[in-house]
Amino acid sequence: MIFRGIGVLIAFYKSNYDGWEKFFVSIAWSPKATVQAALVTAILDNATIVENETYINWGKQVVTLLATIILISAPTIAIVTTVIGPKMLILVDEVKVK
């Protein structure tokens, strides 16, 4: 999350967004592990081709772990952005009006 926040600061360095908007973007850009899950299935496929039982078991464990992470992180981040998004927009509008 720290590196994601730094990435947002770098990506939005010359933008007109204020700190609260950048904070919201850093939350919305939180990793949800979907890309990692897609990649790990390719690794599991390769382990199956090689027919190495140890690699296949590791691959299955990683796929299970990533599926669990997706089931936890994706809805959590979606709920957080849905709840704090409107509140942050109101806060940003109040700050800009003053």
PDB file of N, CA and C in Angstrom:
ATOM      1  N   MET A   1       0.829  -1.196   0.000  1.00  0.00           N
ATOM      2  CA  MET A   1       0.000   0.000   0.000  1.00  0.00           C
ATOM      3  C   MET A   1       0.871   1.257   0.000  1.00  0.00           C
ATOM      4  N   ILE A   2       1.996   1.183   0.701  1.00  0.00           N
ATOM      5  CA  ILE A   2       2.889   2.347   0.742  1.00  0.00           C
ATOM      6  C   ILE A   2       3.431   2.619  -0.653  1.00  0.00           C
ATOM      7  N   PHE A   3       3.874   1.559  -1.330  1.00  0.00           N
ATOM      8  CA  PHE A   3       4.412   1.739  -2.677  1.00  0.00           C
ATOM      9  C   PHE A   3       3.324   2.181  -3.650  1.00  0.00           C
ATOM     10  N   ARG A   4       2.113   1.702  -3.441  1.00  0.00           N
ATOM     11  CA  ARG A   4       0.993   2.117  -4.290  1.00  0.00           C
ATOM     12  C   ARG A   4       0.734   3.613  -4.102  1.00  0.00           C
ATOM     13  N   GLY A   5       0.776   4.077  -2.844  1.00  0.00           N
ATOM     14  CA  GLY A   5       0.600   5.502  -2.566  1.00  0.00           C
ATOM     15  C   GLY A   5       1.695   6.345  -3.196  1.00  0.00           C
ATOM     16  N   ILE A   6       2.927   5.859  -3.128  1.00  0.00           N
ATOM     17  CA  ILE A   6       4.039   6.574  -3.758  1.00  0.00           C
ATOM     18  C   ILE A   6       3.841   6.608  -5.274  1.00  0.00           C
ATOM     19  N   GLY A   7       3.369   5.494  -5.827  1.00  0.00           N
ATOM     20  CA  GLY A   7       3.090   5.447  -7.266  1.00  0.00           C
ATOM     21  C   GLY A   7       2.031   6.453  -7.680  1.00  0.00           C
ATOM     22  N   VAL A   8       1.004   6.590  -6.851  1.00  0.00           N
ATOM     23  CA  VAL A   8      -0.046   7.580  -7.142  1.00  0.00           C
ATOM     24  C   VAL A   8       0.534   8.985  -7.081  1.00  0.00           C
ATOM     25  N   LEU A   9       1.357   9.269  -6.081  1.00  0.00           N
ATOM     26  CA  LEU A   9       1.964  10.596  -5.981  1.00  0.00           C
ATOM     27  C   LEU A   9       2.822  10.904  -7.204  1.00  0.00           C
ATOM     28  N   ILE A  10       3.553   9.907  -7.676  1.00  0.00           N
ATOM     29  CA  ILE A  10       4.376  10.112  -8.869  1.00  0.00           C
ATOM     30  C   ILE A  10       3.497  10.277 -10.111  1.00  0.00           C
ATOM     31  N   ALA A  11       2.471   9.434 -10.242  1.00  0.00           N
ATOM     32  CA  ALA A  11       1.602   9.491 -11.419  1.00  0.00           C
ATOM     33  C   ALA A  11       0.811  10.797 -11.486  1.00  0.00           C
ATOM     34  N   PHE A  12       0.451  11.339 -10.346  1.00  0.00           N
ATOM     35  CA  PHE A  12      -0.368  12.549 -10.306  1.00  0.00           C
ATOM     36  C   PHE A  12       0.436  13.773  -9.884  1.00  0.00           C
ATOM     37  N   TYR A  13       1.743  13.734 -10.092  1.00  0.00           N
ATOM     38  CA  TYR A  13       2.626  14.808  -9.625  1.00  0.00           C
ATOM     39  C   TYR A  13       2.215  16.175 -10.168  1.00  0.00           C
ATOM     40  N   LYS A  14       1.967  16.284 -11.450  1.00  0.00           N
ATOM     41  CA  LYS A  14       1.639  17.578 -12.053  1.00  0.00           C
ATOM     42  C   LYS A  14       0.146  17.747 -12.306  1.00  0.00           C
ATOM     43  N   SER A  15      -0.671  16.989 -11.600  1.00  0.00           N
ATOM     44  CA  SER A  15      -2.115  17.096 -11.794  1.00  0.00           C
ATOM     45  C   SER A  15      -2.694  18.179 -10.896  1.00  0.00           C
ATOM     46  N   ASN A  16      -3.946  18.477 -11.133  1.00  0.00           N
ATOM     47  CA  ASN A  16      -4.646  19.469 -10.318  1.00  0.00           C
ATOM     48  C   ASN A  16      -5.378  18.827  -9.139  1.00  0.00           C
ATOM     49  N   TYR A  17      -5.177  17.531  -8.932  1.00  0.00           N
ATOM     50  CA  TYR A  17      -5.834  16.847  -7.829  1.00  0.00           C
ATOM     51  C   TYR A  17      -5.194  17.244  -6.503  1.00  0.00           C
ATOM     52  N   ASP A  18      -6.039  17.358  -5.468  1.00  0.00           N
ATOM     53  CA  ASP A  18      -5.489  17.670  -4.150  1.00  0.00           C
ATOM     54  C   ASP A  18      -5.171  16.375  -3.406  1.00  0.00           C
ATOM     55  N   GLY A  19      -4.739  16.497  -2.183  1.00  0.00           N
ATOM     56  CA  GLY A  19      -4.303  15.346  -1.397  1.00  0.00           C
ATOM     57  C   GLY A  19      -5.391  14.316  -1.161  1.00  0.00           C
ATOM     58  N   TRP A  20      -6.625  14.752  -0.886  1.00  0.00           N
ATOM     59  CA  TRP A  20      -7.715  13.816  -0.625  1.00  0.00           C
ATOM     60  C   TRP A  20      -8.057  13.018  -1.875  1.00  0.00           C
ATOM     61  N   GLU A  21      -8.026  13.671  -3.029  1.00  0.00           N
ATOM     62  CA  GLU A  21      -8.324  12.961  -4.273  1.00  0.00           C
ATOM     63  C   GLU A  21      -7.224  11.936  -4.584  1.00  0.00           C
ATOM     64  N   LYS A  22      -5.992  12.307  -4.341  1.00  0.00           N
ATOM     65  CA  LYS A  22      -4.888  11.366  -4.542  1.00  0.00           C
ATOM     66  C   LYS A  22      -4.996  10.191  -3.571  1.00  0.00           C
ATOM     67  N   PHE A  23      -5.403  10.473  -2.346  1.00  0.00           N
ATOM     68  CA  PHE A  23      -5.597   9.414  -1.352  1.00  0.00           C
ATOM     69  C   PHE A  23      -6.673   8.441  -1.811  1.00  0.00           C
ATOM     70  N   PHE A  24      -7.776   8.977  -2.336  1.00  0.00           N
ATOM     71  CA  PHE A  24      -8.859   8.124  -2.821  1.00  0.00           C
ATOM     72  C   PHE A  24      -8.390   7.257  -3.994  1.00  0.00           C
ATOM     73  N   VAL A  25      -7.615   7.843  -4.900  1.00  0.00           N
ATOM     74  CA  VAL A  25      -7.101   7.080  -6.037  1.00  0.00           C
ATOM     75  C   VAL A  25      -6.189   5.962  -5.558  1.00  0.00           C
ATOM     76  N   SER A  26      -5.367   6.240  -4.548  1.00  0.00           N
ATOM     77  CA  SER A  26      -4.471   5.194  -4.045  1.00  0.00           C
ATOM     78  C   SER A  26      -5.257   4.033  -3.440  1.00  0.00           C
ATOM     79  N   ILE A  27      -6.403   4.319  -2.834  1.00  0.00           N
ATOM     80  CA  ILE A  27      -7.256   3.243  -2.314  1.00  0.00           C
ATOM     81  C   ILE A  27      -7.937   2.499  -3.460  1.00  0.00           C
ATOM     82  N   ALA A  28      -8.432   3.253  -4.439  1.00  0.00           N
ATOM     83  CA  ALA A  28      -9.125   2.627  -5.570  1.00  0.00           C
ATOM     84  C   ALA A  28      -8.172   1.768  -6.400  1.00  0.00           C
ATOM     85  N   TRP A  29      -6.901   2.130  -6.436  1.00  0.00           N
ATOM     86  CA  TRP A  29      -5.909   1.362  -7.183  1.00  0.00           C
ATOM     87  C   TRP A  29      -5.320   0.217  -6.371  1.00  0.00           C
ATOM     88  N   SER A  30      -5.886  -0.087  -5.236  1.00  0.00           N
ATOM     89  CA  SER A  30      -5.352  -1.164  -4.397  1.00  0.00           C
ATOM     90  C   SER A  30      -5.348  -2.488  -5.152  1.00  0.00           C
ATOM     91  N   PRO A  31      -4.337  -3.282  -4.917  1.00  0.00           N
ATOM     92  CA  PRO A  31      -4.265  -4.571  -5.617  1.00  0.00           C
ATOM     93  C   PRO A  31      -5.397  -5.499  -5.199  1.00  0.00           C
ATOM     94  N   LYS A  32      -5.930  -6.193  -6.165  1.00  0.00           N
ATOM     95  CA  LYS A  32      -7.022  -7.118  -5.900  1.00  0.00           C
ATOM     96  C   LYS A  32      -6.662  -8.543  -6.297  1.00  0.00           C
ATOM     97  N   ALA A  33      -5.434  -8.764  -6.741  1.00  0.00           N
ATOM     98  CA  ALA A  33      -4.853 -10.085  -7.017  1.00  0.00           C
ATOM     99  C   ALA A  33      -5.445 -10.798  -8.225  1.00  0.00           C
ATOM    100  N   THR A  34      -6.245 -10.137  -9.042  1.00  0.00           N
ATOM    101  CA  THR A  34      -6.837 -10.820 -10.191  1.00  0.00           C
ATOM    102  C   THR A  34      -5.793 -11.113 -11.272  1.00  0.00           C
ATOM    103  N   VAL A  35      -4.887 -10.193 -11.507  1.00  0.00           N
ATOM    104  CA  VAL A  35      -3.834 -10.420 -12.500  1.00  0.00           C
ATOM    105  C   VAL A  35      -2.910 -11.536 -12.034  1.00  0.00           C
ATOM    106  N   GLN A  36      -2.568 -11.520 -10.753  1.00  0.00           N
ATOM    107  CA  GLN A  36      -1.701 -12.555 -10.209  1.00  0.00           C
ATOM    108  C   GLN A  36      -2.349 -13.932 -10.351  1.00  0.00           C
ATOM    109  N   ALA A  37      -3.648 -14.009 -10.146  1.00  0.00           N
ATOM    110  CA  ALA A  37      -4.346 -15.288 -10.271  1.00  0.00           C
ATOM    111  C   ALA A  37      -4.306 -15.778 -11.718  1.00  0.00           C
ATOM    112  N   ALA A  38      -4.443 -14.870 -12.656  1.00  0.00           N
ATOM    113  CA  ALA A  38      -4.364 -15.259 -14.064  1.00  0.00           C
ATOM    114  C   ALA A  38      -2.967 -15.773 -14.407  1.00  0.00           C
ATOM    115  N   LEU A  39      -1.948 -15.119 -13.858  1.00  0.00           N
ATOM    116  CA  LEU A  39      -0.576 -15.535 -14.143  1.00  0.00           C
ATOM    117  C   LEU A  39      -0.235 -16.869 -13.483  1.00  0.00           C
ATOM    118  N   VAL A  40      -0.711 -17.069 -12.270  1.00  0.00           N
ATOM    119  CA  VAL A  40      -0.353 -18.291 -11.558  1.00  0.00           C
ATOM    120  C   VAL A  40      -0.988 -19.519 -12.214  1.00  0.00           C
ATOM    121  N   THR A  41      -2.117 -19.363 -12.857  1.00  0.00           N
ATOM    122  CA  THR A  41      -2.692 -20.516 -13.552  1.00  0.00           C
ATOM    123  C   THR A  41      -1.804 -20.932 -14.721  1.00  0.00           C
ATOM    124  N   ALA A  42      -1.147 -19.962 -15.362  1.00  0.00           N
ATOM    125  CA  ALA A  42      -0.202 -20.300 -16.430  1.00  0.00           C
ATOM    126  C   ALA A  42       0.983 -21.064 -15.858  1.00  0.00           C
ATOM    127  N   ILE A  43       1.448 -20.665 -14.693  1.00  0.00           N
ATOM    128  CA  ILE A  43       2.552 -21.377 -14.041  1.00  0.00           C
ATOM    129  C   ILE A  43       2.116 -22.797 -13.670  1.00  0.00           C
ATOM    130  N   LEU A  44       0.904 -22.920 -13.164  1.00  0.00           N
ATOM    131  CA  LEU A  44       0.388 -24.251 -12.817  1.00  0.00           C
ATOM    132  C   LEU A  44       0.272 -25.125 -14.064  1.00  0.00           C
ATOM    133  N   ASP A  45      -0.146 -24.548 -15.173  1.00  0.00           N
ATOM    134  CA  ASP A  45      -0.215 -25.296 -16.427  1.00  0.00           C
ATOM    135  C   ASP A  45       1.169 -25.800 -16.841  1.00  0.00           C
ATOM    136  N   ASN A  46       2.180 -24.939 -16.715  1.00  0.00           N
ATOM    137  CA  ASN A  46       3.543 -25.343 -17.061  1.00  0.00           C
ATOM    138  C   ASN A  46       4.041 -26.447 -16.133  1.00  0.00           C
ATOM    139  N   ALA A  47       3.713 -26.363 -14.853  1.00  0.00           N
ATOM    140  CA  ALA A  47       4.111 -27.413 -13.914  1.00  0.00           C
ATOM    141  C   ALA A  47       3.445 -28.735 -14.273  1.00  0.00           C
ATOM    142  N   THR A  48       2.236 -28.669 -14.767  1.00  0.00           N
ATOM    143  CA  THR A  48       1.526 -29.878 -15.176  1.00  0.00           C
ATOM    144  C   THR A  48       2.192 -30.492 -16.406  1.00  0.00           C
ATOM    145  N   ILE A  49       2.645 -29.634 -17.317  1.00  0.00           N
ATOM    146  CA  ILE A  49       3.327 -30.125 -18.523  1.00  0.00           C
ATOM    147  C   ILE A  49       4.635 -30.824 -18.142  1.00  0.00           C
ATOM    148  N   VAL A  50       5.377 -30.238 -17.199  1.00  0.00           N
ATOM    149  CA  VAL A  50       6.645 -30.812 -16.758  1.00  0.00           C
ATOM    150  C   VAL A  50       6.405 -32.091 -15.945  1.00  0.00           C
ATOM    151  N   GLU A  51       5.232 -32.214 -15.389  1.00  0.00           N
ATOM    152  CA  GLU A  51       4.833 -33.366 -14.583  1.00  0.00           C
ATOM    153  C   GLU A  51       5.674 -33.520 -13.316  1.00  0.00           C
ATOM    154  N   ASN A  52       5.971 -32.400 -12.695  1.00  0.00           N
ATOM    155  CA  ASN A  52       6.697 -32.404 -11.426  1.00  0.00           C
ATOM    156  C   ASN A  52       5.662 -32.273 -10.316  1.00  0.00           C
ATOM    157  N   GLU A  53       5.489 -33.321  -9.533  1.00  0.00           N
ATOM    158  CA  GLU A  53       4.440 -33.349  -8.500  1.00  0.00           C
ATOM    159  C   GLU A  53       4.617 -32.253  -7.460  1.00  0.00           C
ATOM    160  N   THR A  54       5.860 -31.947  -7.100  1.00  0.00           N
ATOM    161  CA  THR A  54       6.118 -30.893  -6.111  1.00  0.00           C
ATOM    162  C   THR A  54       5.645 -29.544  -6.638  1.00  0.00           C
ATOM    163  N   TYR A  55       5.991 -29.234  -7.887  1.00  0.00           N
ATOM    164  CA  TYR A  55       5.582 -27.961  -8.485  1.00  0.00           C
ATOM    165  C   TYR A  55       4.066 -27.879  -8.647  1.00  0.00           C
ATOM    166  N   ILE A  56       3.462 -28.995  -8.992  1.00  0.00           N
ATOM    167  CA  ILE A  56       2.000 -29.024  -9.144  1.00  0.00           C
ATOM    168  C   ILE A  56       1.335 -28.745  -7.799  1.00  0.00           C
ATOM    169  N   ASN A  57       1.828 -29.357  -6.721  1.00  0.00           N
ATOM    170  CA  ASN A  57       1.255 -29.107  -5.392  1.00  0.00           C
ATOM    171  C   ASN A  57       1.457 -27.656  -4.976  1.00  0.00           C
ATOM    172  N   TRP A  58       2.640 -27.107  -5.226  1.00  0.00           N
ATOM    173  CA  TRP A  58       2.885 -25.687  -4.905  1.00  0.00           C
ATOM    174  C   TRP A  58       1.945 -24.793  -5.704  1.00  0.00           C
ATOM    175  N   GLY A  59       1.801 -25.117  -6.980  1.00  0.00           N
ATOM    176  CA  GLY A  59       0.912 -24.323  -7.836  1.00  0.00           C
ATOM    177  C   GLY A  59      -0.521 -24.347  -7.342  1.00  0.00           C
ATOM    178  N   LYS A  60      -0.978 -25.521  -6.932  1.00  0.00           N
ATOM    179  CA  LYS A  60      -2.345 -25.635  -6.400  1.00  0.00           C
ATOM    180  C   LYS A  60      -2.503 -24.818  -5.121  1.00  0.00           C
ATOM    181  N   GLN A  61      -1.480 -24.847  -4.269  1.00  0.00           N
ATOM    182  CA  GLN A  61      -1.539 -24.065  -3.030  1.00  0.00           C
ATOM    183  C   GLN A  61      -1.577 -22.565  -3.326  1.00  0.00           C
ATOM    184  N   VAL A  62      -0.777 -22.139  -4.296  1.00  0.00           N
ATOM    185  CA  VAL A  62      -0.749 -20.712  -4.641  1.00  0.00           C
ATOM    186  C   VAL A  62      -2.073 -20.286  -5.265  1.00  0.00           C
ATOM    187  N   VAL A  63      -2.640 -21.115  -6.133  1.00  0.00           N
ATOM    188  CA  VAL A  63      -3.941 -20.799  -6.728  1.00  0.00           C
ATOM    189  C   VAL A  63      -5.000 -20.680  -5.637  1.00  0.00           C
ATOM    190  N   THR A  64      -4.993 -21.593  -4.682  1.00  0.00           N
ATOM    191  CA  THR A  64      -5.952 -21.538  -3.579  1.00  0.00           C
ATOM    192  C   THR A  64      -5.760 -20.279  -2.748  1.00  0.00           C
ATOM    193  N   LEU A  65      -4.513 -19.938  -2.453  1.00  0.00           N
ATOM    194  CA  LEU A  65      -4.222 -18.727  -1.683  1.00  0.00           C
ATOM    195  C   LEU A  65      -4.685 -17.480  -2.423  1.00  0.00           C
ATOM    196  N   LEU A  66      -4.401 -17.408  -3.717  1.00  0.00           N
ATOM    197  CA  LEU A  66      -4.812 -16.229  -4.479  1.00  0.00           C
ATOM    198  C   LEU A  66      -6.324 -16.135  -4.601  1.00  0.00           C
ATOM    199  N   ALA A  67      -6.993 -17.260  -4.740  1.00  0.00           N
ATOM    200  CA  ALA A  67      -8.455 -17.223  -4.785  1.00  0.00           C
ATOM    201  C   ALA A  67      -9.016 -16.678  -3.473  1.00  0.00           C
ATOM    202  N   THR A  68      -8.417 -17.083  -2.364  1.00  0.00           N
ATOM    203  CA  THR A  68      -8.839 -16.566  -1.058  1.00  0.00           C
ATOM    204  C   THR A  68      -8.575 -15.070  -0.952  1.00  0.00           C
ATOM    205  N   ILE A  69      -7.407 -14.641  -1.413  1.00  0.00           N
ATOM    206  CA  ILE A  69      -7.071 -13.211  -1.376  1.00  0.00           C
ATOM    207  C   ILE A  69      -8.046 -12.406  -2.219  1.00  0.00           C
ATOM    208  N   ILE A  70      -8.386 -12.918  -3.395  1.00  0.00           N
ATOM    209  CA  ILE A  70      -9.344 -12.217  -4.260  1.00  0.00           C
ATOM    210  C   ILE A  70     -10.700 -12.120  -3.579  1.00  0.00           C
ATOM    211  N   LEU A  71     -11.140 -13.215  -2.964  1.00  0.00           N
ATOM    212  CA  LEU A  71     -12.447 -13.210  -2.302  1.00  0.00           C
ATOM    213  C   LEU A  71     -12.498 -12.237  -1.129  1.00  0.00           C
ATOM    214  N   ILE A  72     -11.344 -11.952  -0.535  1.00  0.00           N
ATOM    215  CA  ILE A  72     -11.300 -11.014   0.588  1.00  0.00           C
ATOM    216  C   ILE A  72     -11.043  -9.589   0.114  1.00  0.00           C
ATOM    217  N   SER A  73     -10.037  -9.405  -0.730  1.00  0.00           N
ATOM    218  CA  SER A  73      -9.600  -8.039  -1.062  1.00  0.00           C
ATOM    219  C   SER A  73     -10.522  -7.319  -2.044  1.00  0.00           C
ATOM    220  N   ALA A  74     -10.987  -7.992  -3.069  1.00  0.00           N
ATOM    221  CA  ALA A  74     -11.798  -7.306  -4.077  1.00  0.00           C
ATOM    222  C   ALA A  74     -13.089  -6.724  -3.490  1.00  0.00           C
ATOM    223  N   PRO A  75     -13.889  -7.495  -2.759  1.00  0.00           N
ATOM    224  CA  PRO A  75     -15.094  -6.890  -2.186  1.00  0.00           C
ATOM    225  C   PRO A  75     -14.785  -5.836  -1.124  1.00  0.00           C
ATOM    226  N   THR A  76     -13.711  -6.068  -0.351  1.00  0.00           N
ATOM    227  CA  THR A  76     -13.353  -5.105   0.689  1.00  0.00           C
ATOM    228  C   THR A  76     -13.002  -3.758   0.079  1.00  0.00           C
ATOM    229  N   ILE A  77     -12.155  -3.757  -0.940  1.00  0.00           N
ATOM    230  CA  ILE A  77     -11.771  -2.497  -1.590  1.00  0.00           C
ATOM    231  C   ILE A  77     -12.972  -1.867  -2.281  1.00  0.00           C
ATOM    232  N   ALA A  78     -13.830  -2.679  -2.896  1.00  0.00           N
ATOM    233  CA  ALA A  78     -15.034  -2.142  -3.538  1.00  0.00           C
ATOM    234  C   ALA A  78     -15.949  -1.469  -2.519  1.00  0.00           C
ATOM    235  N   ILE A  79     -16.124  -2.088  -1.370  1.00  0.00           N
ATOM    236  CA  ILE A  79     -16.967  -1.502  -0.322  1.00  0.00           C
ATOM    237  C   ILE A  79     -16.343  -0.221   0.215  1.00  0.00           C
ATOM    238  N   VAL A  80     -15.038  -0.268   0.464  1.00  0.00           N
ATOM    239  CA  VAL A  80     -14.357   0.920   1.003  1.00  0.00           C
ATOM    240  C   VAL A  80     -14.467   2.087   0.035  1.00  0.00           C
ATOM    241  N   THR A  81     -14.217   1.857  -1.253  1.00  0.00           N
ATOM    242  CA  THR A  81     -14.305   2.963  -2.215  1.00  0.00           C
ATOM    243  C   THR A  81     -15.734   3.450  -2.374  1.00  0.00           C
ATOM    244  N   THR A  82     -16.704   2.547  -2.290  1.00  0.00           N
ATOM    245  CA  THR A  82     -18.109   2.957  -2.388  1.00  0.00           C
ATOM    246  C   THR A  82     -18.531   3.796  -1.185  1.00  0.00           C
ATOM    247  N   VAL A  83     -18.040   3.434  -0.010  1.00  0.00           N
ATOM    248  CA  VAL A  83     -18.435   4.153   1.208  1.00  0.00           C
ATOM    249  C   VAL A  83     -17.706   5.482   1.335  1.00  0.00           C
ATOM    250  N   ILE A  84     -16.378   5.477   1.146  1.00  0.00           N
ATOM    251  CA  ILE A  84     -15.640   6.718   1.383  1.00  0.00           C
ATOM    252  C   ILE A  84     -15.600   7.632   0.173  1.00  0.00           C
ATOM    253  N   GLY A  85     -15.886   7.101  -1.019  1.00  0.00           N
ATOM    254  CA  GLY A  85     -15.834   7.929  -2.227  1.00  0.00           C
ATOM    255  C   GLY A  85     -16.729   9.157  -2.155  1.00  0.00           C
ATOM    256  N   PRO A  86     -18.026   8.997  -1.940  1.00  0.00           N
ATOM    257  CA  PRO A  86     -18.903  10.169  -1.865  1.00  0.00           C
ATOM    258  C   PRO A  86     -18.535  11.120  -0.716  1.00  0.00           C
ATOM    259  N   LYS A  87     -18.125  10.565   0.419  1.00  0.00           N
ATOM    260  CA  LYS A  87     -17.739  11.403   1.556  1.00  0.00           C
ATOM    261  C   LYS A  87     -16.500  12.223   1.216  1.00  0.00           C
ATOM    262  N   MET A  88     -15.543  11.602   0.528  1.00  0.00           N
ATOM    263  CA  MET A  88     -14.328  12.324   0.163  1.00  0.00           C
ATOM    264  C   MET A  88     -14.621  13.385  -0.893  1.00  0.00           C
ATOM    265  N   LEU A  89     -15.530  13.093  -1.809  1.00  0.00           N
ATOM    266  CA  LEU A  89     -15.881  14.089  -2.816  1.00  0.00           C
ATOM    267  C   LEU A  89     -16.547  15.303  -2.177  1.00  0.00           C
ATOM    268  N   ILE A  90     -17.410  15.059  -1.198  1.00  0.00           N
ATOM    269  CA  ILE A  90     -18.036  16.169  -0.483  1.00  0.00           C
ATOM    270  C   ILE A  90     -16.977  16.962   0.271  1.00  0.00           C
ATOM    271  N   LEU A  91     -16.051  16.267   0.918  1.00  0.00           N
ATOM    272  CA  LEU A  91     -14.972  16.917   1.649  1.00  0.00           C
ATOM    273  C   LEU A  91     -14.106  17.750   0.712  1.00  0.00           C
ATOM    274  N   VAL A  92     -13.791  17.209  -0.453  1.00  0.00           N
ATOM    275  CA  VAL A  92     -12.959  17.922  -1.425  1.00  0.00           C
ATOM    276  C   VAL A  92     -13.702  19.166  -1.918  1.00  0.00           C
ATOM    277  N   ASP A  93     -14.997  19.045  -2.204  1.00  0.00           N
ATOM    278  CA  ASP A  93     -15.774  20.201  -2.664  1.00  0.00           C
ATOM    279  C   ASP A  93     -15.817  21.282  -1.591  1.00  0.00           C
ATOM    280  N   GLU A  94     -15.971  20.894  -0.324  1.00  0.00           N
ATOM    281  CA  GLU A  94     -16.006  21.876   0.765  1.00  0.00           C
ATOM    282  C   GLU A  94     -14.674  22.593   0.886  1.00  0.00           C
ATOM    283  N   VAL A  95     -13.595  21.877   0.733  1.00  0.00           N
ATOM    284  CA  VAL A  95     -12.263  22.482   0.841  1.00  0.00           C
ATOM    285  C   VAL A  95     -12.032  23.434  -0.333  1.00  0.00           C
ATOM    286  N   LYS A  96     -12.454  23.032  -1.536  1.00  0.00           N
ATOM    287  CA  LYS A  96     -12.239  23.876  -2.725  1.00  0.00           C
ATOM    288  C   LYS A  96     -13.103  25.135  -2.690  1.00  0.00           C
ATOM    289  N   VAL A  97     -14.297  25.053  -2.075  1.00  0.00           N
ATOM    290  CA  VAL A  97     -15.191  26.220  -2.012  1.00  0.00           C
ATOM    291  C   VAL A  97     -14.608  27.268  -1.065  1.00  0.00           C
ATOM    292  N   LYS A  98     -13.993  26.800   0.027  1.00  0.00           N
ATOM    293  CA  LYS A  98     -13.407  27.734   1.000  1.00  0.00           C
ATOM    294  C   LYS A  98     -12.205  28.337   0.391  1.00  0.00           C
TER     295      LYS A  98
END
